[in-house]
């Protein structure tokens, strides 16, 4: 498993926004990530809510999403 594989389901090559969202919500120093589906399950939210947060953080100028 590579560093950018999902630790929940093993999906590979996670998108940069997904990795950025993991870091924003779970801690900037993490090195293992969830795909959006597994992150939504872990946080007990919907994928749509996570996508909304990604857009919100981008609009706020969060440097993780550049």
PDB file of N, CA and C in Angstrom:
ATOM      1  N   UNK A   1       0.842  -1.183   0.000  1.00  0.00           N
ATOM      2  CA  UNK A   1       0.000   0.000   0.000  1.00  0.00           C
ATOM      3  C   UNK A   1       0.887   1.247   0.000  1.00  0.00           C
ATOM      4  N   UNK A   2       0.607   2.154  -0.953  1.00  0.00           N
ATOM      5  CA  UNK A   2       1.356   3.405  -1.035  1.00  0.00           C
ATOM      6  C   UNK A   2       0.784   4.410  -0.041  1.00  0.00           C
ATOM      7  N   UNK A   3       1.531   5.480   0.225  1.00  0.00           N
ATOM      8  CA  UNK A   3       1.090   6.505   1.165  1.00  0.00           C
ATOM      9  C   UNK A   3      -0.214   7.176   0.769  1.00  0.00           C
ATOM     10  N   UNK A   4      -0.519   7.219  -0.533  1.00  0.00           N
ATOM     11  CA  UNK A   4      -1.753   7.874  -0.944  1.00  0.00           C
ATOM     12  C   UNK A   4      -2.868   6.885  -1.268  1.00  0.00           C
ATOM     13  N   UNK A   5      -2.806   5.693  -0.708  1.00  0.00           N
ATOM     14  CA  UNK A   5      -3.888   4.718  -0.795  1.00  0.00           C
ATOM     15  C   UNK A   5      -4.808   4.905   0.409  1.00  0.00           C
ATOM     16  N   UNK A   6      -6.098   4.621   0.224  1.00  0.00           N
ATOM     17  CA  UNK A   6      -7.053   4.719   1.321  1.00  0.00           C
ATOM     18  C   UNK A   6      -6.765   3.647   2.367  1.00  0.00           C
ATOM     19  N   UNK A   7      -6.725   4.070   3.626  1.00  0.00           N
ATOM     20  CA  UNK A   7      -6.475   3.101   4.699  1.00  0.00           C
ATOM     21  C   UNK A   7      -7.730   2.307   5.048  1.00  0.00           C
ATOM     22  N   UNK A   8      -8.889   2.730   4.514  1.00  0.00           N
ATOM     23  CA  UNK A   8     -10.121   2.006   4.777  1.00  0.00           C
ATOM     24  C   UNK A   8     -10.387   0.904   3.774  1.00  0.00           C
ATOM     25  N   UNK A   9     -10.310   1.261   2.482  1.00  0.00           N
ATOM     26  CA  UNK A   9     -10.692   0.303   1.444  1.00  0.00           C
ATOM     27  C   UNK A   9      -9.553  -0.044   0.487  1.00  0.00           C
ATOM     28  N   UNK A  10      -8.439   0.671   0.567  1.00  0.00           N
ATOM     29  CA  UNK A  10      -7.296   0.374  -0.290  1.00  0.00           C
ATOM     30  C   UNK A  10      -7.306   1.070  -1.635  1.00  0.00           C
ATOM     31  N   UNK A  11      -8.348   1.896  -1.906  1.00  0.00           N
ATOM     32  CA  UNK A  11      -8.396   2.626  -3.171  1.00  0.00           C
ATOM     33  C   UNK A  11      -7.084   3.378  -3.356  1.00  0.00           C
ATOM     34  N   UNK A  12      -6.547   3.317  -4.577  1.00  0.00           N
ATOM     35  CA  UNK A  12      -5.235   3.934  -4.787  1.00  0.00           C
ATOM     36  C   UNK A  12      -5.341   5.289  -5.490  1.00  0.00           C
ATOM     37  N   UNK A  13      -4.254   6.014  -5.422  1.00  0.00           N
ATOM     38  CA  UNK A  13      -4.095   7.310  -6.077  1.00  0.00           C
ATOM     39  C   UNK A  13      -5.204   8.295  -5.716  1.00  0.00           C
ATOM     40  N   UNK A  14      -5.320   8.601  -4.430  1.00  0.00           N
ATOM     41  CA  UNK A  14      -6.317   9.561  -3.968  1.00  0.00           C
ATOM     42  C   UNK A  14      -6.030  10.936  -4.549  1.00  0.00           C
ATOM     43  N   UNK A  15      -7.085  11.688  -4.823  1.00  0.00           N
ATOM     44  CA  UNK A  15      -6.944  13.028  -5.373  1.00  0.00           C
ATOM     45  C   UNK A  15      -6.368  13.973  -4.332  1.00  0.00           C
ATOM     46  N   UNK A  16      -5.714  15.035  -4.818  1.00  0.00           N
ATOM     47  CA  UNK A  16      -5.054  15.977  -3.901  1.00  0.00           C
ATOM     48  C   UNK A  16      -6.048  16.657  -2.976  1.00  0.00           C
ATOM     49  N   UNK A  17      -7.268  16.951  -3.462  1.00  0.00           N
ATOM     50  CA  UNK A  17      -8.265  17.571  -2.589  1.00  0.00           C
ATOM     51  C   UNK A  17      -8.701  16.626  -1.478  1.00  0.00           C
ATOM     52  N   UNK A  18      -8.762  15.337  -1.776  1.00  0.00           N
ATOM     53  CA  UNK A  18      -9.125  14.344  -0.759  1.00  0.00           C
ATOM     54  C   UNK A  18      -8.036  14.269   0.309  1.00  0.00           C
ATOM     55  N   UNK A  19      -6.786  14.265  -0.120  1.00  0.00           N
ATOM     56  CA  UNK A  19      -5.668  14.246   0.829  1.00  0.00           C
ATOM     57  C   UNK A  19      -5.674  15.524   1.663  1.00  0.00           C
ATOM     58  N   UNK A  20      -5.922  16.665   1.016  1.00  0.00           N
ATOM     59  CA  UNK A  20      -5.966  17.941   1.732  1.00  0.00           C
ATOM     60  C   UNK A  20      -7.089  17.947   2.760  1.00  0.00           C
ATOM     61  N   UNK A  21      -8.253  17.406   2.401  1.00  0.00           N
ATOM     62  CA  UNK A  21      -9.379  17.362   3.330  1.00  0.00           C
ATOM     63  C   UNK A  21      -9.058  16.475   4.530  1.00  0.00           C
ATOM     64  N   UNK A  22      -8.422  15.335   4.284  1.00  0.00           N
ATOM     65  CA  UNK A  22      -7.988  14.469   5.384  1.00  0.00           C
ATOM     66  C   UNK A  22      -7.098  15.257   6.346  1.00  0.00           C
ATOM     67  N   UNK A  23      -6.136  15.981   5.798  1.00  0.00           N
ATOM     68  CA  UNK A  23      -5.206  16.750   6.637  1.00  0.00           C
ATOM     69  C   UNK A  23      -5.922  17.868   7.377  1.00  0.00           C
ATOM     70  N   UNK A  24      -6.858  18.531   6.717  1.00  0.00           N
ATOM     71  CA  UNK A  24      -7.602  19.620   7.352  1.00  0.00           C
ATOM     72  C   UNK A  24      -8.450  19.106   8.516  1.00  0.00           C
ATOM     73  N   UNK A  25      -9.107  17.967   8.313  1.00  0.00           N
ATOM     74  CA  UNK A  25     -10.037  17.467   9.321  1.00  0.00           C
ATOM     75  C   UNK A  25      -9.407  16.550  10.364  1.00  0.00           C
ATOM     76  N   UNK A  26      -8.339  15.852   9.995  1.00  0.00           N
ATOM     77  CA  UNK A  26      -7.763  14.852  10.903  1.00  0.00           C
ATOM     78  C   UNK A  26      -6.393  15.227  11.436  1.00  0.00           C
ATOM     79  N   UNK A  27      -5.785  16.283  10.895  1.00  0.00           N
ATOM     80  CA  UNK A  27      -4.474  16.721  11.383  1.00  0.00           C
ATOM     81  C   UNK A  27      -3.482  16.865  10.245  1.00  0.00           C
ATOM     82  N   UNK A  28      -2.793  17.979  10.219  1.00  0.00           N
ATOM     83  CA  UNK A  28      -1.873  18.279   9.117  1.00  0.00           C
ATOM     84  C   UNK A  28      -0.725  17.294   8.997  1.00  0.00           C
ATOM     85  N   UNK A  29      -0.363  16.636  10.062  1.00  0.00           N
ATOM     86  CA  UNK A  29       0.809  15.769  10.045  1.00  0.00           C
ATOM     87  C   UNK A  29       0.502  14.302   9.764  1.00  0.00           C
ATOM     88  N   UNK A  30      -0.739  13.988   9.430  1.00  0.00           N
ATOM     89  CA  UNK A  30      -1.061  12.587   9.154  1.00  0.00           C
ATOM     90  C   UNK A  30      -0.400  12.126   7.860  1.00  0.00           C
ATOM     91  N   UNK A  31      -0.128  10.842   7.773  1.00  0.00           N
ATOM     92  CA  UNK A  31       0.496  10.308   6.562  1.00  0.00           C
ATOM     93  C   UNK A  31      -0.278   9.123   5.985  1.00  0.00           C
ATOM     94  N   UNK A  32      -1.454   8.864   6.533  1.00  0.00           N
ATOM     95  CA  UNK A  32      -2.349   7.835   6.010  1.00  0.00           C
ATOM     96  C   UNK A  32      -3.706   8.490   5.826  1.00  0.00           C
ATOM     97  N   UNK A  33      -4.360   8.160   4.699  1.00  0.00           N
ATOM     98  CA  UNK A  33      -5.546   8.896   4.302  1.00  0.00           C
ATOM     99  C   UNK A  33      -6.712   7.983   3.978  1.00  0.00           C
ATOM    100  N   UNK A  34      -7.939   8.548   4.071  1.00  0.00           N
ATOM    101  CA  UNK A  34      -9.165   7.885   3.663  1.00  0.00           C
ATOM    102  C   UNK A  34      -9.615   8.447   2.318  1.00  0.00           C
ATOM    103  N   UNK A  35     -10.254   7.615   1.489  1.00  0.00           N
ATOM    104  CA  UNK A  35     -10.938   8.136   0.306  1.00  0.00           C
ATOM    105  C   UNK A  35     -12.181   8.879   0.815  1.00  0.00           C
ATOM    106  N   UNK A  36     -12.863   9.609  -0.071  1.00  0.00           N
ATOM    107  CA  UNK A  36     -14.026  10.383   0.381  1.00  0.00           C
ATOM    108  C   UNK A  36     -15.104   9.504   0.995  1.00  0.00           C
ATOM    109  N   UNK A  37     -15.348   8.335   0.403  1.00  0.00           N
ATOM    110  CA  UNK A  37     -16.387   7.457   0.934  1.00  0.00           C
ATOM    111  C   UNK A  37     -16.045   6.963   2.337  1.00  0.00           C
ATOM    112  N   UNK A  38     -14.818   6.519   2.523  1.00  0.00           N
ATOM    113  CA  UNK A  38     -14.403   6.023   3.845  1.00  0.00           C
ATOM    114  C   UNK A  38     -14.322   7.160   4.860  1.00  0.00           C
ATOM    115  N   UNK A  39     -13.881   8.344   4.424  1.00  0.00           N
ATOM    116  CA  UNK A  39     -13.828   9.499   5.325  1.00  0.00           C
ATOM    117  C   UNK A  39     -15.232   9.893   5.757  1.00  0.00           C
ATOM    118  N   UNK A  40     -16.176   9.874   4.823  1.00  0.00           N
ATOM    119  CA  UNK A  40     -17.566  10.183   5.160  1.00  0.00           C
ATOM    120  C   UNK A  40     -18.104   9.180   6.184  1.00  0.00           C
ATOM    121  N   UNK A  41     -17.824   7.903   5.980  1.00  0.00           N
ATOM    122  CA  UNK A  41     -18.253   6.884   6.942  1.00  0.00           C
ATOM    123  C   UNK A  41     -17.595   7.093   8.298  1.00  0.00           C
ATOM    124  N   UNK A  42     -16.297   7.386   8.294  1.00  0.00           N
ATOM    125  CA  UNK A  42     -15.548   7.593   9.542  1.00  0.00           C
ATOM    126  C   UNK A  42     -16.104   8.783  10.323  1.00  0.00           C
ATOM    127  N   UNK A  43     -16.431   9.870   9.615  1.00  0.00           N
ATOM    128  CA  UNK A  43     -16.915  11.086  10.263  1.00  0.00           C
ATOM    129  C   UNK A  43     -18.439  11.125  10.408  1.00  0.00           C
ATOM    130  N   UNK A  44     -19.111  10.098   9.862  1.00  0.00           N
ATOM    131  CA  UNK A  44     -20.575   9.994   9.916  1.00  0.00           C
ATOM    132  C   UNK A  44     -21.248  11.202   9.269  1.00  0.00           C
ATOM    133  N   UNK A  45     -20.777  11.545   8.062  1.00  0.00           N
ATOM    134  CA  UNK A  45     -21.367  12.601   7.242  1.00  0.00           C
ATOM    135  C   UNK A  45     -21.541  12.046   5.826  1.00  0.00           C
ATOM    136  N   UNK A  46     -22.098  12.862   4.937  1.00  0.00           N
ATOM    137  CA  UNK A  46     -22.265  12.422   3.560  1.00  0.00           C
ATOM    138  C   UNK A  46     -21.085  12.888   2.702  1.00  0.00           C
ATOM    139  N   UNK A  47     -20.926  12.236   1.561  1.00  0.00           N
ATOM    140  CA  UNK A  47     -19.888  12.650   0.616  1.00  0.00           C
ATOM    141  C   UNK A  47     -20.187  14.059   0.115  1.00  0.00           C
ATOM    142  N   UNK A  48     -21.460  14.377  -0.090  1.00  0.00           N
ATOM    143  CA  UNK A  48     -21.829  15.728  -0.519  1.00  0.00           C
ATOM    144  C   UNK A  48     -21.396  16.779   0.498  1.00  0.00           C
ATOM    145  N   UNK A  49     -21.552  16.469   1.775  1.00  0.00           N
ATOM    146  CA  UNK A  49     -21.114  17.403   2.814  1.00  0.00           C
ATOM    147  C   UNK A  49     -19.599  17.601   2.766  1.00  0.00           C
ATOM    148  N   UNK A  50     -18.866  16.529   2.506  1.00  0.00           N
ATOM    149  CA  UNK A  50     -17.414  16.655   2.396  1.00  0.00           C
ATOM    150  C   UNK A  50     -17.026  17.483   1.176  1.00  0.00           C
ATOM    151  N   UNK A  51     -17.714  17.281   0.064  1.00  0.00           N
ATOM    152  CA  UNK A  51     -17.438  18.076  -1.129  1.00  0.00           C
ATOM    153  C   UNK A  51     -17.738  19.555  -0.891  1.00  0.00           C
ATOM    154  N   UNK A  52     -18.797  19.831  -0.146  1.00  0.00           N
ATOM    155  CA  UNK A  52     -19.112  21.215   0.215  1.00  0.00           C
ATOM    156  C   UNK A  52     -18.001  21.816   1.072  1.00  0.00           C
ATOM    157  N   UNK A  53     -17.469  21.035   1.998  1.00  0.00           N
ATOM    158  CA  UNK A  53     -16.372  21.516   2.857  1.00  0.00           C
ATOM    159  C   UNK A  53     -15.128  21.803   2.025  1.00  0.00           C
ATOM    160  N   UNK A  54     -14.845  20.955   1.041  1.00  0.00           N
ATOM    161  CA  UNK A  54     -13.687  21.194   0.175  1.00  0.00           C
ATOM    162  C   UNK A  54     -13.841  22.552  -0.498  1.00  0.00           C
ATOM    163  N   UNK A  55     -15.008  22.830  -1.066  1.00  0.00           N
ATOM    164  CA  UNK A  55     -15.237  24.110  -1.742  1.00  0.00           C
ATOM    165  C   UNK A  55     -15.160  25.268  -0.757  1.00  0.00           C
ATOM    166  N   UNK A  56     -15.701  25.069   0.430  1.00  0.00           N
ATOM    167  CA  UNK A  56     -15.661  26.098   1.470  1.00  0.00           C
ATOM    168  C   UNK A  56     -14.216  26.418   1.860  1.00  0.00           C
ATOM    169  N   UNK A  57     -13.410  25.402   2.073  1.00  0.00           N
ATOM    170  CA  UNK A  57     -12.014  25.621   2.452  1.00  0.00           C
ATOM    171  C   UNK A  57     -11.238  26.289   1.323  1.00  0.00           C
ATOM    172  N   UNK A  58     -11.544  25.930   0.083  1.00  0.00           N
ATOM    173  CA  UNK A  58     -10.890  26.577  -1.063  1.00  0.00           C
ATOM    174  C   UNK A  58     -11.238  28.051  -1.107  1.00  0.00           C
ATOM    175  N   UNK A  59     -12.522  28.375  -0.905  1.00  0.00           N
ATOM    176  CA  UNK A  59     -12.972  29.764  -0.916  1.00  0.00           C
ATOM    177  C   UNK A  59     -12.335  30.568   0.206  1.00  0.00           C
ATOM    178  N   UNK A  60     -12.072  29.921   1.331  1.00  0.00           N
ATOM    179  CA  UNK A  60     -11.426  30.583   2.460  1.00  0.00           C
ATOM    180  C   UNK A  60      -9.938  30.783   2.217  1.00  0.00           C
ATOM    181  N   UNK A  61      -9.412  30.143   1.179  1.00  0.00           N
ATOM    182  CA  UNK A  61      -7.998  30.293   0.858  1.00  0.00           C
ATOM    183  C   UNK A  61      -7.085  29.369   1.638  1.00  0.00           C
ATOM    184  N   UNK A  62      -7.619  28.269   2.138  1.00  0.00           N
ATOM    185  CA  UNK A  62      -6.800  27.309   2.887  1.00  0.00           C
ATOM    186  C   UNK A  62      -5.650  26.813   1.992  1.00  0.00           C
ATOM    187  N   UNK A  63      -4.452  26.934   2.484  1.00  0.00           N
ATOM    188  CA  UNK A  63      -3.264  26.581   1.705  1.00  0.00           C
ATOM    189  C   UNK A  63      -3.146  25.092   1.424  1.00  0.00           C
ATOM    190  N   UNK A  64      -3.857  24.249   2.135  1.00  0.00           N
ATOM    191  CA  UNK A  64      -3.826  22.820   1.870  1.00  0.00           C
ATOM    192  C   UNK A  64      -4.470  22.489   0.527  1.00  0.00           C
ATOM    193  N   UNK A  65      -5.340  23.372   0.053  1.00  0.00           N
ATOM    194  CA  UNK A  65      -6.092  23.108  -1.175  1.00  0.00           C
ATOM    195  C   UNK A  65      -5.567  23.859  -2.387  1.00  0.00           C
ATOM    196  N   UNK A  66      -4.351  24.328  -2.312  1.00  0.00           N
ATOM    197  CA  UNK A  66      -3.752  25.048  -3.447  1.00  0.00           C
ATOM    198  C   UNK A  66      -3.095  24.099  -4.402  1.00  0.00           C
TER     199      UNK A  66
END
